[in-house]
């Protein structure tokens, strides 16, 4: 009898473990990654390759449940892919969206038009050298007030480019998150903060009106209705002026249906209005930028 009870107990525990495992697997949900992110299958054509930053611009098919068909830039973690992939190749991979980052994994490459002339990536665009004078671009801030870059002379200016509808967490959202952290770090040193300024410029002026930028900016500073934007501004402007400013800093972008395909540029402009340093991708850190700005100001 005791043997039967023991066997029965073991079977019950085994069924319970199986049930809990089943619940755990279901809890991940369709498309959930092991790290708590989401996974989607991506298929498309490689438009261009940026080996230095491990990124591919891909003209992809619709991603059910996440994104309609469009052309966008994606990070690929497997470095060996860049030894074989070229513009015109077909690609199938898993798109992972996790926290503030996204990337492609397990890519399968099918060779295609190896001689495609579009193989240079938008991020290879020309950019100004350190010491180049920044033109006095005319913009409009989140309050609808006209601003010009010349008015920030005497301070170290940190500039980046974003648009509020950007869907990937490691592009515009990461830039804004980094700027928010940079602002917090600067606030710890009031003397340094007085000599610096942050500026996020939208490359989507048709949608990102001052009202939209005010709401977007206040949500990132988390001061909402109390936000004064006296240390970090958000700007829009005439499309042609935005394009000229982006081009000066080496950022390229183009419309793709309801999204914008773009590279990344973040720049430090010195108190003299000249380019001090440009960060090309998304791997810069707020603490690094704060140190760089402090060093610049100490030398000025």
C-alpha atoms as a PDB file:
ATOM      1  CA  UNK A   1       0.000   0.000   0.000  1.00  0.00           C
ATOM      2  CA  UNK A   2       2.738   2.423   0.953  1.00  0.00           C
ATOM      3  CA  UNK A   3       4.506   1.572  -2.274  1.00  0.00           C
ATOM      4  CA  UNK A   4       1.340   2.372  -4.264  1.00  0.00           C
ATOM      5  CA  UNK A   5       0.908   5.673  -2.413  1.00  0.00           C
ATOM      6  CA  UNK A   6       4.557   6.541  -3.041  1.00  0.00           C
ATOM      7  CA  UNK A   7       4.207   5.750  -6.764  1.00  0.00           C
ATOM      8  CA  UNK A   8       0.969   7.733  -6.914  1.00  0.00           C
ATOM      9  CA  UNK A   9       2.672  10.681  -5.209  1.00  0.00           C
ATOM     10  CA  UNK A  10       5.590  10.612  -7.626  1.00  0.00           C
ATOM     11  CA  UNK A  11       3.187  10.565 -10.574  1.00  0.00           C
ATOM     12  CA  UNK A  12       1.244  13.504  -9.147  1.00  0.00           C
ATOM     13  CA  UNK A  13       4.464  15.486  -8.637  1.00  0.00           C
ATOM     14  CA  UNK A  14       5.594  14.637 -12.162  1.00  0.00           C
ATOM     15  CA  UNK A  15       2.255  15.804 -13.603  1.00  0.00           C
ATOM     16  CA  UNK A  16       2.482  18.995 -11.514  1.00  0.00           C
ATOM     17  CA  UNK A  17       5.990  19.708 -12.769  1.00  0.00           C
ATOM     18  CA  UNK A  18       4.837  19.139 -16.343  1.00  0.00           C
ATOM     19  CA  UNK A  19       1.876  21.458 -15.793  1.00  0.00           C
ATOM     20  CA  UNK A  20       4.103  24.198 -14.342  1.00  0.00           C
ATOM     21  CA  UNK A  21       6.555  23.863 -17.219  1.00  0.00           C
ATOM     22  CA  UNK A  22       3.652  24.150 -19.636  1.00  0.00           C
ATOM     23  CA  UNK A  23       2.437  27.312 -17.865  1.00  0.00           C
ATOM     24  CA  UNK A  24       5.931  28.791 -17.972  1.00  0.00           C
ATOM     25  CA  UNK A  25       6.200  28.148 -21.689  1.00  0.00           C
ATOM     26  CA  UNK A  26       2.782  29.616 -22.330  1.00  0.00           C
ATOM     27  CA  UNK A  27       3.664  32.594 -20.176  1.00  0.00           C
ATOM     28  CA  UNK A  28       6.364  33.499 -22.663  1.00  0.00           C
ATOM     29  CA  UNK A  29       3.597  34.044 -25.189  1.00  0.00           C
ATOM     30  CA  UNK A  30       3.882  33.971 -28.966  1.00  0.00           C
ATOM     31  CA  UNK A  31       6.930  35.873 -30.047  1.00  0.00           C
ATOM     32  CA  UNK A  32       8.461  36.232 -26.561  1.00  0.00           C
ATOM     33  CA  UNK A  33      12.202  35.718 -26.218  1.00  0.00           C
ATOM     34  CA  UNK A  34      13.975  34.006 -23.348  1.00  0.00           C
ATOM     35  CA  UNK A  35      15.094  37.446 -22.116  1.00  0.00           C
ATOM     36  CA  UNK A  36      11.524  38.755 -21.928  1.00  0.00           C
ATOM     37  CA  UNK A  37      11.680  40.568 -25.268  1.00  0.00           C
ATOM     38  CA  UNK A  38       9.713  39.802 -28.389  1.00  0.00           C
ATOM     39  CA  UNK A  39      10.749  37.848 -31.469  1.00  0.00           C
ATOM     40  CA  UNK A  40       9.435  38.257 -34.992  1.00  0.00           C
ATOM     41  CA  UNK A  41      10.397  36.569 -38.224  1.00  0.00           C
ATOM     42  CA  UNK A  42      11.845  38.954 -40.798  1.00  0.00           C
ATOM     43  CA  UNK A  43      12.287  38.369 -44.516  1.00  0.00           C
ATOM     44  CA  UNK A  44      13.595  40.819 -47.040  1.00  0.00           C
ATOM     45  CA  UNK A  45      16.294  42.131 -49.338  1.00  0.00           C
ATOM     46  CA  UNK A  46      19.559  43.715 -48.224  1.00  0.00           C
ATOM     47  CA  UNK A  47      19.782  47.269 -49.523  1.00  0.00           C
ATOM     48  CA  UNK A  48      23.143  48.248 -48.026  1.00  0.00           C
ATOM     49  CA  UNK A  49      25.787  47.071 -45.583  1.00  0.00           C
ATOM     50  CA  UNK A  50      27.570  48.918 -42.752  1.00  0.00           C
ATOM     51  CA  UNK A  51      30.210  46.470 -41.571  1.00  0.00           C
ATOM     52  CA  UNK A  52      31.836  48.908 -39.130  1.00  0.00           C
ATOM     53  CA  UNK A  53      28.629  49.279 -37.102  1.00  0.00           C
ATOM     54  CA  UNK A  54      27.270  45.772 -37.812  1.00  0.00           C
ATOM     55  CA  UNK A  55      24.145  47.098 -39.473  1.00  0.00           C
ATOM     56  CA  UNK A  56      22.136  46.206 -42.547  1.00  0.00           C
ATOM     57  CA  UNK A  57      19.540  48.321 -44.291  1.00  0.00           C
ATOM     58  CA  UNK A  58      16.844  45.850 -45.304  1.00  0.00           C
ATOM     59  CA  UNK A  59      13.794  46.241 -47.502  1.00  0.00           C
ATOM     60  CA  UNK A  60      11.637  43.810 -45.566  1.00  0.00           C
ATOM     61  CA  UNK A  61       8.236  42.253 -45.992  1.00  0.00           C
ATOM     62  CA  UNK A  62       5.419  42.850 -43.546  1.00  0.00           C
ATOM     63  CA  UNK A  63       6.256  41.605 -40.052  1.00  0.00           C
ATOM     64  CA  UNK A  64       2.880  40.328 -38.807  1.00  0.00           C
ATOM     65  CA  UNK A  65       1.890  41.801 -35.481  1.00  0.00           C
ATOM     66  CA  UNK A  66       4.651  44.417 -35.461  1.00  0.00           C
ATOM     67  CA  UNK A  67       5.429  46.390 -38.606  1.00  0.00           C
ATOM     68  CA  UNK A  68       4.254  46.815 -42.176  1.00  0.00           C
ATOM     69  CA  UNK A  69       6.635  46.303 -45.087  1.00  0.00           C
ATOM     70  CA  UNK A  70       9.265  49.045 -45.309  1.00  0.00           C
ATOM     71  CA  UNK A  71      12.994  49.718 -45.498  1.00  0.00           C
ATOM     72  CA  UNK A  72      14.913  50.088 -42.231  1.00  0.00           C
ATOM     73  CA  UNK A  73      18.323  49.655 -40.664  1.00  0.00           C
ATOM     74  CA  UNK A  74      18.913  46.706 -38.317  1.00  0.00           C
ATOM     75  CA  UNK A  75      21.807  45.613 -36.110  1.00  0.00           C
ATOM     76  CA  UNK A  76      23.129  42.087 -36.672  1.00  0.00           C
ATOM     77  CA  UNK A  77      25.094  40.518 -33.806  1.00  0.00           C
ATOM     78  CA  UNK A  78      26.794  37.746 -35.795  1.00  0.00           C
ATOM     79  CA  UNK A  79      29.981  39.422 -37.082  1.00  0.00           C
ATOM     80  CA  UNK A  80      30.768  36.659 -39.556  1.00  0.00           C
ATOM     81  CA  UNK A  81      27.672  37.612 -41.555  1.00  0.00           C
ATOM     82  CA  UNK A  82      29.463  40.752 -42.732  1.00  0.00           C
ATOM     83  CA  UNK A  83      32.103  38.653 -44.428  1.00  0.00           C
ATOM     84  CA  UNK A  84      29.569  37.308 -46.893  1.00  0.00           C
ATOM     85  CA  UNK A  85      26.512  39.583 -47.075  1.00  0.00           C
ATOM     86  CA  UNK A  86      26.168  42.165 -49.845  1.00  0.00           C
ATOM     87  CA  UNK A  87      23.526  44.491 -51.221  1.00  0.00           C
ATOM     88  CA  UNK A  88      20.974  42.575 -53.257  1.00  0.00           C
ATOM     89  CA  UNK A  89      21.137  39.427 -51.097  1.00  0.00           C
ATOM     90  CA  UNK A  90      17.967  37.957 -49.620  1.00  0.00           C
ATOM     91  CA  UNK A  91      17.861  37.588 -45.845  1.00  0.00           C
ATOM     92  CA  UNK A  92      15.687  35.735 -43.367  1.00  0.00           C
ATOM     93  CA  UNK A  93      16.283  36.333 -39.646  1.00  0.00           C
ATOM     94  CA  UNK A  94      14.675  36.721 -36.241  1.00  0.00           C
ATOM     95  CA  UNK A  95      14.051  40.294 -35.133  1.00  0.00           C
ATOM     96  CA  UNK A  96      14.456  40.603 -31.354  1.00  0.00           C
ATOM     97  CA  UNK A  97      12.931  43.575 -29.517  1.00  0.00           C
ATOM     98  CA  UNK A  98      14.129  43.639 -25.905  1.00  0.00           C
ATOM     99  CA  UNK A  99      14.056  46.584 -23.520  1.00  0.00           C
ATOM    100  CA  UNK A 100      15.899  49.462 -25.220  1.00  0.00           C
ATOM    101  CA  UNK A 101      17.544  47.349 -27.897  1.00  0.00           C
ATOM    102  CA  UNK A 102      16.707  45.468 -31.056  1.00  0.00           C
ATOM    103  CA  UNK A 103      18.760  43.227 -33.289  1.00  0.00           C
ATOM    104  CA  UNK A 104      18.615  40.430 -35.848  1.00  0.00           C
ATOM    105  CA  UNK A 105      19.787  36.953 -34.970  1.00  0.00           C
ATOM    106  CA  UNK A 106      20.120  33.618 -36.773  1.00  0.00           C
ATOM    107  CA  UNK A 107      20.312  35.267 -40.222  1.00  0.00           C
ATOM    108  CA  UNK A 108      20.136  33.105 -43.340  1.00  0.00           C
ATOM    109  CA  UNK A 109      21.634  34.774 -46.408  1.00  0.00           C
ATOM    110  CA  UNK A 110      20.706  33.861 -49.978  1.00  0.00           C
ATOM    111  CA  UNK A 111      23.146  35.396 -52.433  1.00  0.00           C
ATOM    112  CA  UNK A 112      21.664  37.849 -54.898  1.00  0.00           C
ATOM    113  CA  UNK A 113      22.838  40.862 -56.890  1.00  0.00           C
ATOM    114  CA  UNK A 114      26.448  41.000 -55.760  1.00  0.00           C
ATOM    115  CA  UNK A 115      27.279  43.974 -57.939  1.00  0.00           C
ATOM    116  CA  UNK A 116      24.596  46.298 -56.612  1.00  0.00           C
ATOM    117  CA  UNK A 117      25.921  49.861 -56.631  1.00  0.00           C
ATOM    118  CA  UNK A 118      23.899  50.755 -53.519  1.00  0.00           C
ATOM    119  CA  UNK A 119      26.172  48.743 -51.247  1.00  0.00           C
ATOM    120  CA  UNK A 120      27.507  51.813 -49.459  1.00  0.00           C
ATOM    121  CA  UNK A 121      25.552  52.459 -46.279  1.00  0.00           C
ATOM    122  CA  UNK A 122      23.882  55.761 -45.470  1.00  0.00           C
ATOM    123  CA  UNK A 123      26.066  55.940 -42.362  1.00  0.00           C
ATOM    124  CA  UNK A 124      29.108  56.317 -44.614  1.00  0.00           C
ATOM    125  CA  UNK A 125      27.948  59.820 -45.541  1.00  0.00           C
ATOM    126  CA  UNK A 126      30.476  62.634 -45.303  1.00  0.00           C
ATOM    127  CA  UNK A 127      30.618  64.477 -42.016  1.00  0.00           C
ATOM    128  CA  UNK A 128      32.489  67.595 -40.909  1.00  0.00           C
ATOM    129  CA  UNK A 129      35.923  67.367 -39.401  1.00  0.00           C
ATOM    130  CA  UNK A 130      36.651  68.551 -35.885  1.00  0.00           C
ATOM    131  CA  UNK A 131      37.089  72.302 -35.953  1.00  0.00           C
ATOM    132  CA  UNK A 132      34.579  72.925 -38.742  1.00  0.00           C
ATOM    133  CA  UNK A 133      32.307  75.903 -38.065  1.00  0.00           C
ATOM    134  CA  UNK A 134      28.653  74.943 -37.643  1.00  0.00           C
ATOM    135  CA  UNK A 135      26.269  77.044 -39.776  1.00  0.00           C
ATOM    136  CA  UNK A 136      23.720  79.178 -37.961  1.00  0.00           C
ATOM    137  CA  UNK A 137      20.748  76.913 -38.679  1.00  0.00           C
ATOM    138  CA  UNK A 138      17.288  78.350 -38.002  1.00  0.00           C
ATOM    139  CA  UNK A 139      14.856  76.139 -36.066  1.00  0.00           C
ATOM    140  CA  UNK A 140      11.674  76.302 -33.991  1.00  0.00           C
ATOM    141  CA  UNK A 141      11.619  74.850 -30.490  1.00  0.00           C
ATOM    142  CA  UNK A 142       8.944  72.953 -28.566  1.00  0.00           C
ATOM    143  CA  UNK A 143       7.332  76.237 -27.497  1.00  0.00           C
ATOM    144  CA  UNK A 144       7.052  77.531 -31.041  1.00  0.00           C
ATOM    145  CA  UNK A 145       9.881  80.020 -30.515  1.00  0.00           C
ATOM    146  CA  UNK A 146      12.422  80.659 -33.252  1.00  0.00           C
ATOM    147  CA  UNK A 147      15.931  79.605 -32.275  1.00  0.00           C
ATOM    148  CA  UNK A 148      19.293  79.682 -34.050  1.00  0.00           C
ATOM    149  CA  UNK A 149      22.403  77.685 -33.298  1.00  0.00           C
ATOM    150  CA  UNK A 150      24.440  80.853 -32.836  1.00  0.00           C
ATOM    151  CA  UNK A 151      22.556  81.628 -29.617  1.00  0.00           C
ATOM    152  CA  UNK A 152      24.293  78.688 -27.898  1.00  0.00           C
ATOM    153  CA  UNK A 153      27.747  80.177 -28.394  1.00  0.00           C
ATOM    154  CA  UNK A 154      29.658  80.223 -25.133  1.00  0.00           C
ATOM    155  CA  UNK A 155      28.283  76.823 -24.108  1.00  0.00           C
ATOM    156  CA  UNK A 156      29.063  73.254 -25.106  1.00  0.00           C
ATOM    157  CA  UNK A 157      26.112  72.104 -27.209  1.00  0.00           C
ATOM    158  CA  UNK A 158      25.139  68.434 -27.521  1.00  0.00           C
ATOM    159  CA  UNK A 159      23.007  67.819 -30.634  1.00  0.00           C
ATOM    160  CA  UNK A 160      21.240  64.699 -31.844  1.00  0.00           C
ATOM    161  CA  UNK A 161      18.532  63.830 -34.382  1.00  0.00           C
ATOM    162  CA  UNK A 162      15.319  61.943 -33.614  1.00  0.00           C
ATOM    163  CA  UNK A 163      11.719  61.567 -34.662  1.00  0.00           C
ATOM    164  CA  UNK A 164       8.934  60.765 -32.225  1.00  0.00           C
ATOM    165  CA  UNK A 165       7.353  57.877 -34.165  1.00  0.00           C
ATOM    166  CA  UNK A 166      10.605  55.905 -34.494  1.00  0.00           C
ATOM    167  CA  UNK A 167       9.656  52.241 -33.796  1.00  0.00           C
ATOM    168  CA  UNK A 168      13.026  50.730 -32.843  1.00  0.00           C
ATOM    169  CA  UNK A 169      14.162  51.121 -29.220  1.00  0.00           C
ATOM    170  CA  UNK A 170      17.866  51.426 -30.015  1.00  0.00           C
ATOM    171  CA  UNK A 171      17.487  54.362 -32.383  1.00  0.00           C
ATOM    172  CA  UNK A 172      15.586  57.533 -31.473  1.00  0.00           C
ATOM    173  CA  UNK A 173      14.285  56.197 -28.172  1.00  0.00           C
ATOM    174  CA  UNK A 174      17.811  55.314 -27.073  1.00  0.00           C
ATOM    175  CA  UNK A 175      19.108  58.726 -28.143  1.00  0.00           C
ATOM    176  CA  UNK A 176      16.418  60.437 -26.048  1.00  0.00           C
ATOM    177  CA  UNK A 177      17.005  58.105 -23.108  1.00  0.00           C
ATOM    178  CA  UNK A 178      20.730  58.836 -23.291  1.00  0.00           C
ATOM    179  CA  UNK A 179      20.051  62.567 -23.430  1.00  0.00           C
ATOM    180  CA  UNK A 180      17.809  62.300 -20.356  1.00  0.00           C
ATOM    181  CA  UNK A 181      20.595  60.508 -18.493  1.00  0.00           C
ATOM    182  CA  UNK A 182      23.136  63.059 -19.744  1.00  0.00           C
ATOM    183  CA  UNK A 183      20.942  65.866 -18.412  1.00  0.00           C
ATOM    184  CA  UNK A 184      20.697  64.145 -15.025  1.00  0.00           C
ATOM    185  CA  UNK A 185      24.472  63.730 -14.879  1.00  0.00           C
ATOM    186  CA  UNK A 186      25.027  67.379 -15.761  1.00  0.00           C
ATOM    187  CA  UNK A 187      22.566  68.479 -13.074  1.00  0.00           C
ATOM    188  CA  UNK A 188      24.870  66.957 -10.449  1.00  0.00           C
ATOM    189  CA  UNK A 189      27.401  69.661 -11.319  1.00  0.00           C
ATOM    190  CA  UNK A 190      25.531  73.008 -11.497  1.00  0.00           C
ATOM    191  CA  UNK A 191      28.636  74.864 -12.643  1.00  0.00           C
ATOM    192  CA  UNK A 192      29.068  72.482 -15.581  1.00  0.00           C
ATOM    193  CA  UNK A 193      25.362  72.459 -16.331  1.00  0.00           C
ATOM    194  CA  UNK A 194      25.355  76.252 -16.713  1.00  0.00           C
ATOM    195  CA  UNK A 195      27.926  75.922 -19.486  1.00  0.00           C
ATOM    196  CA  UNK A 196      26.139  73.204 -21.489  1.00  0.00           C
ATOM    197  CA  UNK A 197      22.952  72.758 -23.490  1.00  0.00           C
ATOM    198  CA  UNK A 198      21.176  69.795 -25.118  1.00  0.00           C
ATOM    199  CA  UNK A 199      19.249  69.936 -28.396  1.00  0.00           C
ATOM    200  CA  UNK A 200      17.212  67.156 -30.060  1.00  0.00           C
ATOM    201  CA  UNK A 201      16.223  67.946 -33.653  1.00  0.00           C
ATOM    202  CA  UNK A 202      13.363  66.109 -35.344  1.00  0.00           C
ATOM    203  CA  UNK A 203      13.829  64.856 -38.903  1.00  0.00           C
ATOM    204  CA  UNK A 204      10.045  64.531 -39.226  1.00  0.00           C
ATOM    205  CA  UNK A 205       8.873  68.169 -39.260  1.00  0.00           C
ATOM    206  CA  UNK A 206       5.553  67.292 -40.915  1.00  0.00           C
ATOM    207  CA  UNK A 207       4.439  65.272 -37.894  1.00  0.00           C
ATOM    208  CA  UNK A 208       6.670  66.517 -35.078  1.00  0.00           C
ATOM    209  CA  UNK A 209       5.100  69.897 -34.466  1.00  0.00           C
ATOM    210  CA  UNK A 210       6.190  71.976 -31.440  1.00  0.00           C
ATOM    211  CA  UNK A 211       3.186  70.606 -29.534  1.00  0.00           C
ATOM    212  CA  UNK A 212       4.179  67.006 -30.286  1.00  0.00           C
ATOM    213  CA  UNK A 213       7.802  67.686 -29.359  1.00  0.00           C
ATOM    214  CA  UNK A 214       6.780  69.360 -26.090  1.00  0.00           C
ATOM    215  CA  UNK A 215       4.790  66.293 -25.048  1.00  0.00           C
ATOM    216  CA  UNK A 216       7.533  63.911 -26.194  1.00  0.00           C
ATOM    217  CA  UNK A 217      10.263  65.878 -24.454  1.00  0.00           C
ATOM    218  CA  UNK A 218       8.394  66.276 -21.168  1.00  0.00           C
ATOM    219  CA  UNK A 219       7.763  62.538 -21.052  1.00  0.00           C
ATOM    220  CA  UNK A 220      11.491  61.839 -21.405  1.00  0.00           C
ATOM    221  CA  UNK A 221      12.523  64.296 -18.707  1.00  0.00           C
ATOM    222  CA  UNK A 222       9.626  62.980 -16.594  1.00  0.00           C
ATOM    223  CA  UNK A 223       8.823  66.501 -15.441  1.00  0.00           C
ATOM    224  CA  UNK A 224       5.712  66.658 -17.658  1.00  0.00           C
ATOM    225  CA  UNK A 225       3.743  69.903 -17.056  1.00  0.00           C
ATOM    226  CA  UNK A 226       6.579  71.272 -14.913  1.00  0.00           C
ATOM    227  CA  UNK A 227       9.170  70.977 -17.675  1.00  0.00           C
ATOM    228  CA  UNK A 228      10.689  74.361 -18.645  1.00  0.00           C
ATOM    229  CA  UNK A 229      13.076  73.067 -21.356  1.00  0.00           C
ATOM    230  CA  UNK A 230      15.754  75.495 -20.218  1.00  0.00           C
ATOM    231  CA  UNK A 231      18.548  72.887 -20.417  1.00  0.00           C
ATOM    232  CA  UNK A 232      17.263  70.494 -23.093  1.00  0.00           C
ATOM    233  CA  UNK A 233      15.245  71.683 -26.068  1.00  0.00           C
ATOM    234  CA  UNK A 234      13.440  69.849 -28.846  1.00  0.00           C
ATOM    235  CA  UNK A 235      13.362  71.487 -32.247  1.00  0.00           C
ATOM    236  CA  UNK A 236      11.724  71.277 -35.639  1.00  0.00           C
ATOM    237  CA  UNK A 237      11.856  73.619 -38.617  1.00  0.00           C
ATOM    238  CA  UNK A 238      11.418  73.976 -42.337  1.00  0.00           C
ATOM    239  CA  UNK A 239      12.048  70.635 -44.085  1.00  0.00           C
ATOM    240  CA  UNK A 240      14.811  72.105 -46.209  1.00  0.00           C
ATOM    241  CA  UNK A 241      16.600  73.568 -43.198  1.00  0.00           C
ATOM    242  CA  UNK A 242      16.322  70.280 -41.288  1.00  0.00           C
ATOM    243  CA  UNK A 243      17.739  68.446 -44.290  1.00  0.00           C
ATOM    244  CA  UNK A 244      20.662  70.890 -44.563  1.00  0.00           C
ATOM    245  CA  UNK A 245      21.440  70.583 -40.875  1.00  0.00           C
ATOM    246  CA  UNK A 246      21.289  66.788 -40.943  1.00  0.00           C
ATOM    247  CA  UNK A 247      23.482  66.699 -44.050  1.00  0.00           C
ATOM    248  CA  UNK A 248      26.055  68.960 -42.431  1.00  0.00           C
ATOM    249  CA  UNK A 249      26.467  66.532 -39.530  1.00  0.00           C
ATOM    250  CA  UNK A 250      26.567  63.551 -41.902  1.00  0.00           C
ATOM    251  CA  UNK A 251      23.121  62.143 -41.131  1.00  0.00           C
ATOM    252  CA  UNK A 252      21.050  60.824 -44.027  1.00  0.00           C
ATOM    253  CA  UNK A 253      17.376  59.913 -44.020  1.00  0.00           C
ATOM    254  CA  UNK A 254      14.464  59.264 -46.336  1.00  0.00           C
ATOM    255  CA  UNK A 255      10.756  58.576 -46.017  1.00  0.00           C
ATOM    256  CA  UNK A 256       9.522  55.002 -46.288  1.00  0.00           C
ATOM    257  CA  UNK A 257       5.727  54.857 -46.046  1.00  0.00           C
ATOM    258  CA  UNK A 258       4.873  56.032 -42.499  1.00  0.00           C
ATOM    259  CA  UNK A 259       8.424  55.662 -41.204  1.00  0.00           C
ATOM    260  CA  UNK A 260      11.787  57.314 -41.790  1.00  0.00           C
ATOM    261  CA  UNK A 261      14.905  55.315 -42.572  1.00  0.00           C
ATOM    262  CA  UNK A 262      17.860  57.120 -41.045  1.00  0.00           C
ATOM    263  CA  UNK A 263      21.374  56.833 -39.737  1.00  0.00           C
ATOM    264  CA  UNK A 264      22.451  58.237 -36.365  1.00  0.00           C
ATOM    265  CA  UNK A 265      24.539  61.281 -35.497  1.00  0.00           C
ATOM    266  CA  UNK A 266      25.210  62.935 -32.156  1.00  0.00           C
ATOM    267  CA  UNK A 267      27.599  65.881 -32.035  1.00  0.00           C
ATOM    268  CA  UNK A 268      29.338  68.033 -29.477  1.00  0.00           C
ATOM    269  CA  UNK A 269      29.678  71.624 -30.642  1.00  0.00           C
ATOM    270  CA  UNK A 270      32.171  73.753 -28.743  1.00  0.00           C
ATOM    271  CA  UNK A 271      31.539  77.163 -27.175  1.00  0.00           C
ATOM    272  CA  UNK A 272      33.170  78.667 -30.277  1.00  0.00           C
ATOM    273  CA  UNK A 273      30.478  77.160 -32.517  1.00  0.00           C
ATOM    274  CA  UNK A 274      32.826  74.604 -34.061  1.00  0.00           C
ATOM    275  CA  UNK A 275      32.502  70.840 -34.236  1.00  0.00           C
ATOM    276  CA  UNK A 276      34.332  69.163 -31.373  1.00  0.00           C
ATOM    277  CA  UNK A 277      33.319  65.517 -31.796  1.00  0.00           C
ATOM    278  CA  UNK A 278      30.742  63.439 -33.676  1.00  0.00           C
ATOM    279  CA  UNK A 279      29.372  60.048 -32.576  1.00  0.00           C
ATOM    280  CA  UNK A 280      28.206  58.041 -35.569  1.00  0.00           C
ATOM    281  CA  UNK A 281      26.133  55.275 -33.973  1.00  0.00           C
ATOM    282  CA  UNK A 282      24.257  54.395 -30.807  1.00  0.00           C
ATOM    283  CA  UNK A 283      27.088  52.989 -28.718  1.00  0.00           C
ATOM    284  CA  UNK A 284      28.101  56.218 -26.967  1.00  0.00           C
ATOM    285  CA  UNK A 285      27.447  56.488 -23.236  1.00  0.00           C
ATOM    286  CA  UNK A 286      26.125  59.532 -21.320  1.00  0.00           C
ATOM    287  CA  UNK A 287      28.971  59.445 -18.797  1.00  0.00           C
ATOM    288  CA  UNK A 288      31.476  59.447 -21.661  1.00  0.00           C
ATOM    289  CA  UNK A 289      29.801  62.472 -23.266  1.00  0.00           C
ATOM    290  CA  UNK A 290      29.678  64.399 -19.973  1.00  0.00           C
ATOM    291  CA  UNK A 291      33.419  63.811 -19.481  1.00  0.00           C
ATOM    292  CA  UNK A 292      34.098  64.921 -23.032  1.00  0.00           C
ATOM    293  CA  UNK A 293      32.080  68.119 -22.591  1.00  0.00           C
ATOM    294  CA  UNK A 294      33.825  68.894 -19.310  1.00  0.00           C
ATOM    295  CA  UNK A 295      37.241  68.375 -20.875  1.00  0.00           C
ATOM    296  CA  UNK A 296      36.270  70.615 -23.774  1.00  0.00           C
ATOM    297  CA  UNK A 297      35.115  73.388 -21.456  1.00  0.00           C
ATOM    298  CA  UNK A 298      38.266  73.119 -19.350  1.00  0.00           C
ATOM    299  CA  UNK A 299      40.328  73.655 -22.501  1.00  0.00           C
ATOM    300  CA  UNK A 300      38.260  76.583 -23.752  1.00  0.00           C
END
